[in-house]
N, C-alpha and C. Protein backbone atom coordinates (compact mmCIF):
# COMPACT_ATOMS: atom_id res chain seq x y z
N MET A 1 114.55 70.81 132.67
CA MET A 1 115.40 69.51 132.28
C MET A 1 113.94 68.63 132.75
N ALA A 2 114.01 67.69 131.72
CA ALA A 2 112.94 66.75 131.89
C ALA A 2 113.23 66.04 133.21
N THR A 3 111.98 65.73 133.75
CA THR A 3 112.40 65.01 135.13
C THR A 3 111.62 63.57 135.27
N ASP A 4 111.08 63.09 134.08
CA ASP A 4 110.68 62.02 133.65
C ASP A 4 111.79 61.24 133.51
N LEU A 5 112.56 60.39 134.01
CA LEU A 5 113.67 59.48 133.75
C LEU A 5 113.47 57.99 133.20
N THR A 6 111.70 57.94 132.92
CA THR A 6 111.79 56.26 132.63
C THR A 6 112.45 56.35 130.80
N PRO A 7 113.34 54.89 131.18
CA PRO A 7 113.67 54.79 129.81
C PRO A 7 112.38 54.63 128.56
N ILE A 8 113.21 55.34 127.51
CA ILE A 8 112.23 54.91 126.40
C ILE A 8 113.11 54.20 125.11
N PRO A 9 112.46 53.35 124.52
CA PRO A 9 113.61 53.05 123.55
C PRO A 9 113.41 53.89 122.06
N VAL A 10 114.82 54.34 121.61
CA VAL A 10 114.78 54.96 120.35
C VAL A 10 115.11 53.86 119.03
N ASN A 11 114.45 53.73 118.62
CA ASN A 11 114.59 53.02 116.99
C ASN A 11 114.18 53.41 115.54
N PRO A 12 114.75 54.34 115.21
CA PRO A 12 114.66 55.05 113.98
C PRO A 12 114.34 54.13 112.52
N PRO A 13 113.34 54.47 112.14
CA PRO A 13 112.84 53.77 111.10
C PRO A 13 113.88 53.39 109.87
N GLY A 14 114.98 54.09 109.72
CA GLY A 14 115.84 54.55 108.58
C GLY A 14 117.32 53.20 109.40
N LEU A 15 117.17 52.60 110.38
CA LEU A 15 118.16 51.59 110.69
C LEU A 15 117.47 50.30 110.72
N PRO A 16 118.26 49.24 110.84
CA PRO A 16 117.91 47.62 110.56
C PRO A 16 117.03 47.88 112.12
N ALA A 17 115.92 46.71 111.94
CA ALA A 17 114.91 46.66 112.76
C ALA A 17 115.79 45.76 113.78
N PRO A 18 115.69 46.37 115.00
CA PRO A 18 116.64 45.45 116.11
C PRO A 18 115.46 44.65 116.65
N ARG A 19 116.41 43.40 117.03
CA ARG A 19 115.76 42.28 118.00
C ARG A 19 116.49 42.13 119.23
N GLY A 20 116.25 42.37 120.01
CA GLY A 20 116.48 41.64 121.57
C GLY A 20 117.57 43.21 121.92
N TYR A 21 117.29 44.38 121.46
CA TYR A 21 118.46 45.39 122.03
C TYR A 21 117.25 46.74 121.14
N SER A 22 118.05 47.83 121.88
CA SER A 22 117.61 49.17 121.29
C SER A 22 118.79 49.94 120.28
N HIS A 23 118.44 50.70 119.41
CA HIS A 23 119.48 51.64 118.77
C HIS A 23 119.77 52.55 119.96
N GLY A 24 118.92 53.16 120.64
CA GLY A 24 119.22 53.88 121.41
C GLY A 24 118.16 53.99 122.82
N THR A 25 118.36 54.63 124.11
CA THR A 25 117.81 54.67 124.93
C THR A 25 117.57 56.07 125.68
N LEU A 26 116.29 56.73 125.69
CA LEU A 26 116.34 58.05 126.38
C LEU A 26 115.90 58.09 127.30
N SER A 27 116.45 58.85 128.58
CA SER A 27 116.02 59.00 130.00
C SER A 27 116.33 60.06 130.29
N GLY A 28 115.06 60.85 130.36
CA GLY A 28 115.04 62.10 130.37
C GLY A 28 115.26 63.16 129.56
N ASN A 29 116.51 63.76 129.52
CA ASN A 29 117.13 64.29 128.36
C ASN A 29 118.54 63.68 127.86
N THR A 30 118.83 62.54 128.27
CA THR A 30 119.93 61.69 128.34
C THR A 30 119.87 60.57 127.20
N LEU A 31 120.37 60.66 125.94
CA LEU A 31 120.13 59.63 125.20
C LEU A 31 121.63 58.73 125.34
N HIS A 32 121.39 57.71 125.53
CA HIS A 32 122.27 56.50 125.71
C HIS A 32 122.40 55.47 124.00
N LEU A 33 123.15 55.54 123.32
CA LEU A 33 123.43 55.53 121.98
C LEU A 33 123.62 54.03 121.92
N GLY A 34 123.41 53.07 121.33
CA GLY A 34 123.89 51.49 121.59
C GLY A 34 125.06 51.56 120.50
N GLY A 35 125.56 50.63 120.73
CA GLY A 35 126.78 50.52 119.75
C GLY A 35 125.98 50.03 118.23
N GLN A 36 126.93 50.98 117.26
CA GLN A 36 126.49 50.86 116.01
C GLN A 36 127.78 50.63 114.90
N THR A 37 127.51 49.29 114.42
CA THR A 37 128.20 49.10 113.44
C THR A 37 128.16 49.28 111.71
N ALA A 38 128.75 49.20 110.86
CA ALA A 38 128.69 49.85 109.68
C ALA A 38 127.61 48.73 108.94
N LEU A 39 126.60 48.73 109.58
CA LEU A 39 125.65 47.84 109.32
C LEU A 39 124.43 48.74 107.70
N ASP A 40 124.14 48.30 106.88
CA ASP A 40 123.39 48.93 105.91
C ASP A 40 121.81 48.36 106.22
N GLU A 41 120.95 49.34 105.56
CA GLU A 41 119.59 48.94 105.73
C GLU A 41 118.97 47.14 105.67
N ASP A 42 120.19 46.45 105.10
CA ASP A 42 119.98 45.00 104.45
C ASP A 42 120.61 44.21 105.27
N MET A 43 121.25 44.74 106.65
CA MET A 43 121.91 44.12 107.94
C MET A 43 123.39 43.54 107.23
N ASN A 44 123.73 44.29 105.94
CA ASN A 44 125.15 43.44 105.74
C ASN A 44 126.23 45.04 105.86
N ILE A 45 127.45 44.45 106.51
CA ILE A 45 128.53 45.60 106.65
C ILE A 45 128.77 46.10 105.39
N VAL A 46 128.90 47.49 104.96
CA VAL A 46 129.29 48.16 104.14
C VAL A 46 130.18 47.87 103.33
N ALA A 47 130.84 47.73 102.03
CA ALA A 47 132.15 47.25 101.53
C ALA A 47 133.16 48.19 101.78
N GLY A 48 134.43 48.16 101.64
CA GLY A 48 135.57 49.05 101.99
C GLY A 48 136.03 48.71 103.05
N GLY A 49 136.89 49.68 103.57
CA GLY A 49 137.84 49.54 104.78
C GLY A 49 137.36 50.54 105.95
N ILE A 50 138.13 50.56 106.85
CA ILE A 50 138.07 51.35 107.96
C ILE A 50 137.53 52.86 107.69
N VAL A 51 137.71 53.65 106.58
CA VAL A 51 136.82 55.20 106.37
C VAL A 51 135.61 54.56 105.94
N GLU A 52 135.48 53.73 105.30
CA GLU A 52 133.81 53.71 104.96
C GLU A 52 133.10 53.16 106.22
N GLN A 53 133.77 52.14 106.78
CA GLN A 53 133.04 51.59 108.05
C GLN A 53 132.71 52.65 109.16
N PHE A 54 134.00 53.50 109.04
CA PHE A 54 133.57 54.47 110.28
C PHE A 54 132.13 55.18 109.82
N GLY A 55 132.36 55.68 108.44
CA GLY A 55 131.29 56.74 108.29
C GLY A 55 129.94 56.01 108.18
N ARG A 56 129.84 54.87 107.82
CA ARG A 56 128.25 54.24 108.11
C ARG A 56 127.81 54.00 109.60
N ALA A 57 128.95 53.80 110.47
CA ALA A 57 128.74 53.43 111.64
C ALA A 57 127.96 54.64 112.56
N PHE A 58 129.12 55.73 112.02
CA PHE A 58 129.05 56.99 112.71
C PHE A 58 127.36 57.73 112.10
N SER A 59 127.30 57.58 110.87
CA SER A 59 125.81 57.81 110.22
C SER A 59 124.77 57.11 110.92
N ASN A 60 125.08 55.84 111.01
CA ASN A 60 123.95 55.00 112.04
C ASN A 60 123.68 55.94 113.66
N LEU A 61 124.85 56.21 114.49
CA LEU A 61 124.78 56.79 115.43
C LEU A 61 124.05 57.97 115.34
N LEU A 62 124.37 58.78 114.45
CA LEU A 62 123.56 60.08 114.25
C LEU A 62 122.31 60.07 113.72
N THR A 63 121.80 59.09 112.89
CA THR A 63 120.32 58.78 112.93
C THR A 63 119.29 58.71 114.20
N THR A 64 120.22 57.55 114.98
CA THR A 64 119.41 57.54 116.22
C THR A 64 119.69 59.12 117.07
N LEU A 65 120.52 59.69 117.13
CA LEU A 65 120.80 60.74 117.80
C LEU A 65 119.52 61.82 117.18
N ARG A 66 119.29 62.17 115.75
CA ARG A 66 118.58 62.81 115.45
C ARG A 66 116.99 62.24 115.50
N GLU A 67 116.63 61.34 115.65
CA GLU A 67 115.32 60.73 115.83
C GLU A 67 114.70 61.54 117.06
N VAL A 68 115.38 61.76 117.90
CA VAL A 68 114.88 62.42 119.38
C VAL A 68 115.01 64.33 119.40
N GLY A 69 115.54 64.69 118.19
CA GLY A 69 115.85 66.23 118.16
C GLY A 69 117.70 66.44 118.39
N GLY A 70 118.13 65.24 118.46
CA GLY A 70 119.53 65.74 119.15
C GLY A 70 120.34 66.11 117.70
N GLU A 71 121.46 66.83 117.84
CA GLU A 71 122.47 67.24 117.07
C GLU A 71 123.90 66.74 117.18
N PRO A 72 124.69 66.63 116.49
CA PRO A 72 126.12 66.32 117.10
C PRO A 72 126.53 66.89 118.15
N SER A 73 126.06 68.67 117.92
CA SER A 73 126.74 69.00 119.34
C SER A 73 126.52 68.56 120.67
N ASP A 74 125.41 67.80 120.47
CA ASP A 74 124.86 67.17 121.72
C ASP A 74 125.56 66.27 122.67
N LEU A 75 126.30 65.52 121.70
CA LEU A 75 127.17 64.28 121.65
C LEU A 75 128.09 64.85 122.89
N VAL A 76 128.04 63.91 124.32
CA VAL A 76 128.98 64.51 125.21
C VAL A 76 130.08 63.18 125.28
N SER A 77 129.73 62.11 124.93
CA SER A 77 131.14 61.06 124.91
C SER A 77 130.78 59.85 123.86
N LEU A 78 132.08 59.52 123.48
CA LEU A 78 131.80 58.46 122.38
C LEU A 78 132.74 57.54 122.47
N THR A 79 132.73 56.11 122.55
CA THR A 79 133.35 55.16 122.60
C THR A 79 133.45 54.40 121.29
N LEU A 80 134.57 54.32 120.57
CA LEU A 80 135.08 53.42 119.27
C LEU A 80 135.80 52.25 119.70
N TYR A 81 135.02 51.14 119.57
CA TYR A 81 135.92 49.75 119.57
C TYR A 81 136.33 49.65 118.24
N LEU A 82 137.66 49.03 118.02
CA LEU A 82 138.36 48.71 117.03
C LEU A 82 139.03 47.25 116.82
N THR A 83 138.89 47.11 115.65
CA THR A 83 139.59 45.46 115.60
C THR A 83 141.08 45.95 115.04
N ASP A 84 141.41 47.01 114.82
CA ASP A 84 142.82 47.34 114.34
C ASP A 84 143.02 48.64 114.44
N ILE A 85 143.65 49.05 115.63
CA ILE A 85 143.87 50.38 115.91
C ILE A 85 144.88 51.16 114.95
N ALA A 86 146.04 50.07 114.75
CA ALA A 86 146.73 51.08 113.71
C ALA A 86 146.37 51.39 112.12
N ASP A 87 145.29 50.33 111.92
CA ASP A 87 144.57 50.71 110.66
C ASP A 87 143.64 51.95 110.78
N TYR A 88 143.24 52.10 111.95
CA TYR A 88 142.44 53.46 112.27
C TYR A 88 143.27 54.47 112.24
N GLN A 89 144.40 54.41 112.80
CA GLN A 89 145.40 55.65 113.05
C GLN A 89 146.25 55.89 111.49
N ALA A 90 146.56 54.97 110.67
CA ALA A 90 147.05 55.13 109.34
C ALA A 90 145.99 55.80 108.86
N HIS A 91 144.60 55.80 109.04
CA HIS A 91 143.47 56.38 108.20
C HIS A 91 143.02 57.43 108.92
N GLY A 92 143.63 58.07 109.86
CA GLY A 92 143.05 59.12 110.70
C GLY A 92 142.65 60.66 110.03
N LYS A 93 143.21 60.73 109.15
CA LYS A 93 143.39 61.99 108.46
C LYS A 93 142.04 61.92 107.53
N GLN A 94 141.71 60.67 106.79
CA GLN A 94 140.52 60.56 106.45
C GLN A 94 139.17 60.37 106.95
N ILE A 95 139.35 59.80 107.89
CA ILE A 95 138.41 59.76 109.15
C ILE A 95 137.96 60.58 109.46
N GLY A 96 138.97 61.91 109.97
CA GLY A 96 138.66 63.10 110.32
C GLY A 96 137.87 64.10 109.51
N GLN A 97 138.02 63.80 108.19
CA GLN A 97 137.27 64.58 107.20
C GLN A 97 135.84 63.86 107.31
N VAL A 98 135.79 62.76 107.07
CA VAL A 98 134.47 62.10 107.35
C VAL A 98 133.65 62.42 108.38
N TRP A 99 134.37 62.55 109.64
CA TRP A 99 133.75 63.84 110.83
C TRP A 99 133.22 64.51 110.66
N ARG A 100 134.26 65.46 110.08
CA ARG A 100 134.00 66.98 109.99
C ARG A 100 132.60 67.20 108.73
N GLU A 101 132.47 65.93 108.02
CA GLU A 101 131.32 66.24 106.68
C GLU A 101 130.10 65.73 107.73
N LEU A 102 130.01 64.94 108.69
CA LEU A 102 128.91 64.52 109.15
C LEU A 102 128.57 65.31 110.57
N ALA A 103 130.00 65.44 111.12
CA ALA A 103 129.25 66.23 112.42
C ALA A 103 129.60 67.86 112.53
N GLY A 104 130.23 68.16 111.84
CA GLY A 104 130.92 69.36 112.10
C GLY A 104 131.97 69.39 112.96
N PRO A 105 132.28 70.71 113.64
CA PRO A 105 133.39 71.03 114.77
C PRO A 105 132.92 70.30 116.15
N ALA A 106 131.93 69.55 116.01
CA ALA A 106 131.57 69.02 117.61
C ALA A 106 132.54 68.05 117.97
N TYR A 107 133.33 67.88 119.08
CA TYR A 107 134.05 66.96 119.48
C TYR A 107 133.85 66.59 120.90
N PRO A 108 133.02 65.51 121.10
CA PRO A 108 132.91 65.11 122.25
C PRO A 108 134.06 64.42 122.98
N ALA A 109 134.47 63.94 124.70
CA ALA A 109 134.82 63.30 125.09
C ALA A 109 134.85 61.84 124.19
N MET A 110 136.19 61.25 124.07
CA MET A 110 136.24 59.89 123.54
C MET A 110 137.14 59.29 124.06
N ALA A 111 136.93 57.85 123.93
CA ALA A 111 137.96 56.63 123.75
C ALA A 111 137.95 55.78 122.72
N GLY A 112 138.99 55.27 122.11
CA GLY A 112 139.31 54.34 121.41
C GLY A 112 139.85 53.16 122.13
N ILE A 113 138.93 51.62 121.93
CA ILE A 113 139.59 50.45 122.64
C ILE A 113 139.76 49.59 121.74
N GLY A 114 140.67 48.90 121.79
CA GLY A 114 141.08 47.64 120.66
C GLY A 114 140.38 46.42 121.42
N THR A 115 139.94 45.83 120.11
CA THR A 115 139.34 44.74 120.69
C THR A 115 139.52 43.15 119.45
N THR A 116 139.66 42.26 119.85
CA THR A 116 139.67 41.03 118.99
C THR A 116 138.40 40.67 118.25
N GLY A 117 137.40 41.01 118.53
CA GLY A 117 136.08 41.03 117.45
C GLY A 117 135.00 42.03 117.74
N LEU A 118 134.20 41.86 117.06
CA LEU A 118 132.88 42.50 117.06
C LEU A 118 131.78 41.69 116.55
N TRP A 119 130.65 41.84 117.03
CA TRP A 119 129.17 40.99 116.69
C TRP A 119 129.05 40.69 115.48
N GLN A 120 129.43 41.57 114.42
CA GLN A 120 129.84 41.00 113.03
C GLN A 120 131.03 40.83 112.84
N PRO A 121 131.62 39.37 112.11
CA PRO A 121 132.64 39.32 112.33
C PRO A 121 133.79 40.34 110.92
N GLU A 122 132.90 40.38 110.24
CA GLU A 122 133.67 41.37 109.24
C GLU A 122 133.65 43.34 109.54
N ALA A 123 133.01 43.24 110.70
CA ALA A 123 132.97 44.82 111.35
C ALA A 123 134.49 45.24 111.60
N MET A 124 134.94 46.09 111.72
CA MET A 124 136.01 46.62 112.28
C MET A 124 135.67 47.87 113.21
N ILE A 125 135.12 48.15 113.18
CA ILE A 125 134.32 49.31 114.48
C ILE A 125 132.95 49.24 115.11
N GLU A 126 132.96 49.66 116.26
CA GLU A 126 131.54 49.76 116.63
C GLU A 126 131.83 51.00 117.48
N ILE A 127 130.34 51.76 117.26
CA ILE A 127 130.60 53.23 118.05
C ILE A 127 129.48 53.22 119.01
N LEU A 128 129.44 53.66 120.31
CA LEU A 128 128.28 53.94 121.22
C LEU A 128 128.77 55.40 121.84
N GLY A 129 127.56 55.79 122.64
CA GLY A 129 128.06 57.14 122.81
C GLY A 129 126.74 57.45 123.79
N VAL A 130 127.05 58.66 124.52
CA VAL A 130 125.94 59.47 125.19
C VAL A 130 126.09 60.60 125.12
N ALA A 131 124.58 61.47 124.66
CA ALA A 131 124.31 62.54 124.35
C ALA A 131 123.10 63.26 125.41
N VAL A 132 123.23 64.47 125.25
CA VAL A 132 122.48 65.55 126.63
C VAL A 132 121.54 66.34 125.56
N ILE A 133 120.09 66.10 125.06
CA ILE A 133 119.83 67.07 124.32
C ILE A 133 118.81 68.37 124.93
N PRO A 134 119.07 69.24 124.79
CA PRO A 134 118.39 70.41 125.17
C PRO A 134 116.42 70.42 125.05
N ASP A 135 115.94 70.78 126.08
CA ASP A 135 114.35 70.96 126.15
C ASP A 135 113.70 71.10 124.88
N ASP A 136 114.57 72.29 124.33
CA ASP A 136 113.94 72.98 123.25
C ASP A 136 113.99 72.32 122.11
N ARG A 137 114.78 71.08 122.02
CA ARG A 137 114.92 70.58 120.74
C ARG A 137 114.43 68.75 120.98
N LEU A 138 114.09 68.59 121.82
CA LEU A 138 114.03 67.14 122.62
C LEU A 138 112.43 66.73 122.27
N THR A 139 112.60 65.54 121.45
CA THR A 139 111.11 65.24 120.62
C THR A 139 111.46 63.75 120.90
N PRO A 140 111.14 63.41 122.17
CA PRO A 140 110.93 61.89 122.58
C PRO A 140 109.90 60.75 121.83
N PRO A 141 110.19 59.73 121.42
CA PRO A 141 109.25 58.97 120.75
C PRO A 141 108.11 58.41 121.66
N SER A 142 106.97 58.03 121.31
CA SER A 142 105.97 57.75 121.88
C SER A 142 106.37 56.51 122.63
N ARG A 143 105.40 56.40 123.64
CA ARG A 143 106.08 55.27 124.18
C ARG A 143 104.98 53.83 124.04
């Protein structure tokens, strides 16, 4: 296990350039994944409903995870902030299908929390998480 726990920002080139935050922070083998909404590369929330927004937000989170050699099976916890829990539940089957397409059978500890709003007013979901990446796959960004 890595012993240097100095936090290193992780900001993949495929995501919008962060200002005042990082998409992730790596400390040793632990990657703290910053909240991801359904922002596209032009800083716009993708069109569609909760299924499309879930897909983009989760894909953004996985982009940060993969930037340091992580895989969906390395996720240990996820927190989903939802502006409409009933809508998420009503589309659970479709969201589950998107999950399996993006992450396969990896199911970390999870929580869904209702909220009245997110940073982007049109965002319906924000996902943040924690992953632990094995030494043999860990590729920390340069400092």
